Amino acid sequence: MARDNDPAGDKAIATLLERTGVVGIETIILTPRLGDFNEDLRLLGLDALTARLKLQVAPQDVARFMSSAAV
């Protein structure tokens, strides 16, 4: 799940983790460096956003979910 870096994002994550945990779904939370991913993209650029996301995604999933990113 991609979250916003604010109190509303914290609440949404808590709700999602509770719901997915009940049904046994593994949830990986992706967090932006700034307030949200759009802000990261606009202010930091695509390369910085991609690098941050690659650190948060399991290495074996980078190629699967980030196919346009350099592996």
N, C-alpha and C. Protein backbone atom coordinates (compact mmCIF):
# COMPACT_ATOMS: atom_id res chain seq x y z
N MET A 1 0.84 -1.17 0.00
CA MET A 1 0.00 0.00 0.00
C MET A 1 0.88 1.23 0.00
N ALA A 2 0.55 2.18 -0.83
CA ALA A 2 1.22 3.47 -0.84
C ALA A 2 0.45 4.41 0.09
N ARG A 3 1.19 5.05 1.00
CA ARG A 3 0.53 5.89 1.99
C ARG A 3 1.01 7.32 1.89
N ASP A 4 0.19 8.22 2.40
CA ASP A 4 0.63 9.60 2.56
C ASP A 4 1.32 9.71 3.90
N ASN A 5 2.25 10.61 4.00
CA ASN A 5 3.05 10.79 5.20
C ASN A 5 2.40 11.84 6.11
N ASP A 6 1.21 11.52 6.62
CA ASP A 6 0.47 12.44 7.48
C ASP A 6 -0.46 11.65 8.39
N PRO A 7 -1.16 12.32 9.32
CA PRO A 7 -2.04 11.60 10.23
C PRO A 7 -3.15 10.79 9.52
N ALA A 8 -3.69 11.32 8.43
CA ALA A 8 -4.71 10.56 7.68
C ALA A 8 -4.10 9.29 7.09
N GLY A 9 -2.86 9.40 6.61
CA GLY A 9 -2.17 8.21 6.09
C GLY A 9 -1.92 7.19 7.18
N ASP A 10 -1.57 7.67 8.38
CA ASP A 10 -1.38 6.76 9.52
C ASP A 10 -2.66 6.01 9.84
N LYS A 11 -3.78 6.73 9.83
CA LYS A 11 -5.07 6.09 10.15
C LYS A 11 -5.46 5.07 9.06
N ALA A 12 -5.26 5.46 7.82
CA ALA A 12 -5.59 4.54 6.72
C ALA A 12 -4.75 3.27 6.80
N ILE A 13 -3.48 3.42 7.11
CA ILE A 13 -2.59 2.25 7.22
C ILE A 13 -3.04 1.35 8.36
N ALA A 14 -3.37 1.94 9.50
CA ALA A 14 -3.82 1.15 10.64
C ALA A 14 -5.06 0.33 10.28
N THR A 15 -6.00 0.97 9.59
CA THR A 15 -7.22 0.27 9.17
C THR A 15 -6.91 -0.85 8.19
N LEU A 16 -6.07 -0.55 7.21
CA LEU A 16 -5.71 -1.56 6.22
C LEU A 16 -4.99 -2.74 6.85
N LEU A 17 -4.03 -2.46 7.72
CA LEU A 17 -3.29 -3.54 8.38
C LEU A 17 -4.21 -4.43 9.20
N GLU A 18 -5.17 -3.83 9.86
CA GLU A 18 -6.14 -4.61 10.63
C GLU A 18 -6.95 -5.51 9.71
N ARG A 19 -7.46 -4.95 8.63
CA ARG A 19 -8.31 -5.72 7.71
C ARG A 19 -7.53 -6.80 6.97
N THR A 20 -6.34 -6.49 6.50
CA THR A 20 -5.58 -7.49 5.76
C THR A 20 -5.05 -8.57 6.70
N GLY A 21 -4.72 -8.20 7.92
CA GLY A 21 -4.23 -9.18 8.89
C GLY A 21 -5.26 -10.23 9.21
N VAL A 22 -6.51 -9.82 9.30
CA VAL A 22 -7.60 -10.75 9.62
C VAL A 22 -7.73 -11.84 8.56
N VAL A 23 -7.49 -11.49 7.31
CA VAL A 23 -7.64 -12.47 6.23
C VAL A 23 -6.30 -13.05 5.77
N GLY A 24 -5.22 -12.70 6.47
CA GLY A 24 -3.92 -13.30 6.18
C GLY A 24 -3.19 -12.76 4.97
N ILE A 25 -3.46 -11.53 4.60
CA ILE A 25 -2.78 -10.91 3.46
C ILE A 25 -1.57 -10.13 3.97
N GLU A 26 -0.41 -10.44 3.40
CA GLU A 26 0.79 -9.69 3.75
C GLU A 26 0.70 -8.30 3.12
N THR A 27 0.96 -7.29 3.92
CA THR A 27 0.88 -5.91 3.43
C THR A 27 2.23 -5.24 3.59
N ILE A 28 2.70 -4.66 2.51
CA ILE A 28 3.94 -3.90 2.53
C ILE A 28 3.56 -2.43 2.34
N ILE A 29 4.04 -1.59 3.23
CA ILE A 29 3.69 -0.18 3.20
C ILE A 29 4.80 0.61 2.53
N LEU A 30 4.44 1.35 1.51
CA LEU A 30 5.37 2.21 0.81
C LEU A 30 5.16 3.64 1.30
N THR A 31 6.23 4.27 1.77
CA THR A 31 6.14 5.60 2.37
C THR A 31 6.98 6.60 1.57
N PRO A 32 6.39 7.74 1.24
CA PRO A 32 7.16 8.77 0.53
C PRO A 32 8.15 9.45 1.46
N ARG A 33 9.14 10.10 0.88
CA ARG A 33 10.09 10.86 1.69
C ARG A 33 9.46 12.16 2.20
N LEU A 34 8.66 12.78 1.35
CA LEU A 34 7.99 14.02 1.71
C LEU A 34 6.55 13.72 2.10
N GLY A 35 5.61 14.58 1.76
CA GLY A 35 4.22 14.40 2.17
C GLY A 35 3.48 13.29 1.45
N ASP A 36 3.71 13.18 0.14
CA ASP A 36 3.08 12.12 -0.65
C ASP A 36 3.96 11.85 -1.87
N PHE A 37 3.61 10.81 -2.63
CA PHE A 37 4.46 10.42 -3.76
C PHE A 37 4.45 11.45 -4.89
N ASN A 38 3.35 12.16 -5.06
CA ASN A 38 3.32 13.21 -6.08
C ASN A 38 4.31 14.32 -5.71
N GLU A 39 4.35 14.69 -4.46
CA GLU A 39 5.30 15.71 -4.00
C GLU A 39 6.74 15.22 -4.18
N ASP A 40 6.99 13.96 -3.85
CA ASP A 40 8.33 13.39 -4.08
C ASP A 40 8.70 13.49 -5.55
N LEU A 41 7.78 13.13 -6.43
CA LEU A 41 8.05 13.15 -7.86
C LEU A 41 8.33 14.57 -8.35
N ARG A 42 7.49 15.52 -7.95
CA ARG A 42 7.63 16.90 -8.42
C ARG A 42 8.89 17.58 -7.88
N LEU A 43 9.16 17.38 -6.58
CA LEU A 43 10.25 18.12 -5.95
C LEU A 43 11.60 17.40 -5.96
N LEU A 44 11.56 16.07 -5.96
CA LEU A 44 12.81 15.30 -5.89
C LEU A 44 13.19 14.68 -7.23
N GLY A 45 12.19 14.46 -8.09
CA GLY A 45 12.44 13.88 -9.40
C GLY A 45 12.20 12.38 -9.44
N LEU A 46 12.06 11.89 -10.65
CA LEU A 46 11.75 10.48 -10.89
C LEU A 46 12.84 9.55 -10.36
N ASP A 47 14.10 9.90 -10.58
CA ASP A 47 15.19 9.03 -10.12
C ASP A 47 15.18 8.86 -8.61
N ALA A 48 14.96 9.95 -7.87
CA ALA A 48 14.93 9.87 -6.40
C ALA A 48 13.72 9.07 -5.93
N LEU A 49 12.58 9.28 -6.57
CA LEU A 49 11.38 8.53 -6.20
C LEU A 49 11.58 7.04 -6.46
N THR A 50 12.11 6.73 -7.62
CA THR A 50 12.36 5.32 -7.97
C THR A 50 13.34 4.68 -7.00
N ALA A 51 14.40 5.38 -6.67
CA ALA A 51 15.39 4.85 -5.73
C ALA A 51 14.77 4.57 -4.37
N ARG A 52 13.93 5.49 -3.89
CA ARG A 52 13.28 5.29 -2.59
C ARG A 52 12.36 4.07 -2.62
N LEU A 53 11.57 3.95 -3.67
CA LEU A 53 10.65 2.82 -3.77
C LEU A 53 11.41 1.49 -3.87
N LYS A 54 12.52 1.47 -4.59
CA LYS A 54 13.30 0.24 -4.72
C LYS A 54 13.81 -0.25 -3.36
N LEU A 55 14.04 0.68 -2.44
CA LEU A 55 14.48 0.29 -1.10
C LEU A 55 13.35 -0.32 -0.27
N GLN A 56 12.12 -0.02 -0.63
CA GLN A 56 10.97 -0.47 0.15
C GLN A 56 10.31 -1.74 -0.40
N VAL A 57 10.61 -2.05 -1.66
CA VAL A 57 10.06 -3.25 -2.30
C VAL A 57 11.07 -4.38 -2.14
N ALA A 58 10.58 -5.58 -1.89
CA ALA A 58 11.47 -6.73 -1.76
C ALA A 58 12.31 -6.86 -3.04
N PRO A 59 13.61 -7.15 -2.90
CA PRO A 59 14.48 -7.22 -4.09
C PRO A 59 13.94 -8.11 -5.20
N GLN A 60 13.35 -9.23 -4.84
CA GLN A 60 12.83 -10.14 -5.87
C GLN A 60 11.60 -9.57 -6.58
N ASP A 61 10.99 -8.51 -6.03
CA ASP A 61 9.81 -7.91 -6.64
C ASP A 61 10.12 -6.65 -7.44
N VAL A 62 11.33 -6.15 -7.37
CA VAL A 62 11.67 -4.91 -8.09
C VAL A 62 11.43 -5.09 -9.58
N ALA A 63 11.95 -6.13 -10.17
CA ALA A 63 11.77 -6.34 -11.61
C ALA A 63 10.30 -6.56 -11.96
N ARG A 64 9.58 -7.23 -11.08
CA ARG A 64 8.17 -7.54 -11.34
C ARG A 64 7.29 -6.29 -11.30
N PHE A 65 7.50 -5.44 -10.31
CA PHE A 65 6.61 -4.30 -10.11
C PHE A 65 7.19 -2.98 -10.62
N MET A 66 8.46 -2.96 -10.88
CA MET A 66 9.11 -1.73 -11.33
C MET A 66 9.85 -1.98 -12.63
N SER A 67 9.18 -2.57 -13.59
CA SER A 67 9.83 -3.02 -14.81
C SER A 67 10.46 -1.90 -15.62
N SER A 68 9.97 -0.67 -15.47
CA SER A 68 10.59 0.42 -16.23
C SER A 68 11.79 1.01 -15.49
N ALA A 69 12.01 0.57 -14.26
CA ALA A 69 13.15 1.05 -13.47
C ALA A 69 14.37 0.19 -13.74
N ALA A 70 15.52 0.79 -13.68
CA ALA A 70 16.76 0.02 -13.83
C ALA A 70 16.91 -0.89 -12.64
N VAL A 71 17.19 -2.15 -12.88
CA VAL A 71 17.30 -3.14 -11.80
C VAL A 71 18.75 -3.25 -11.36
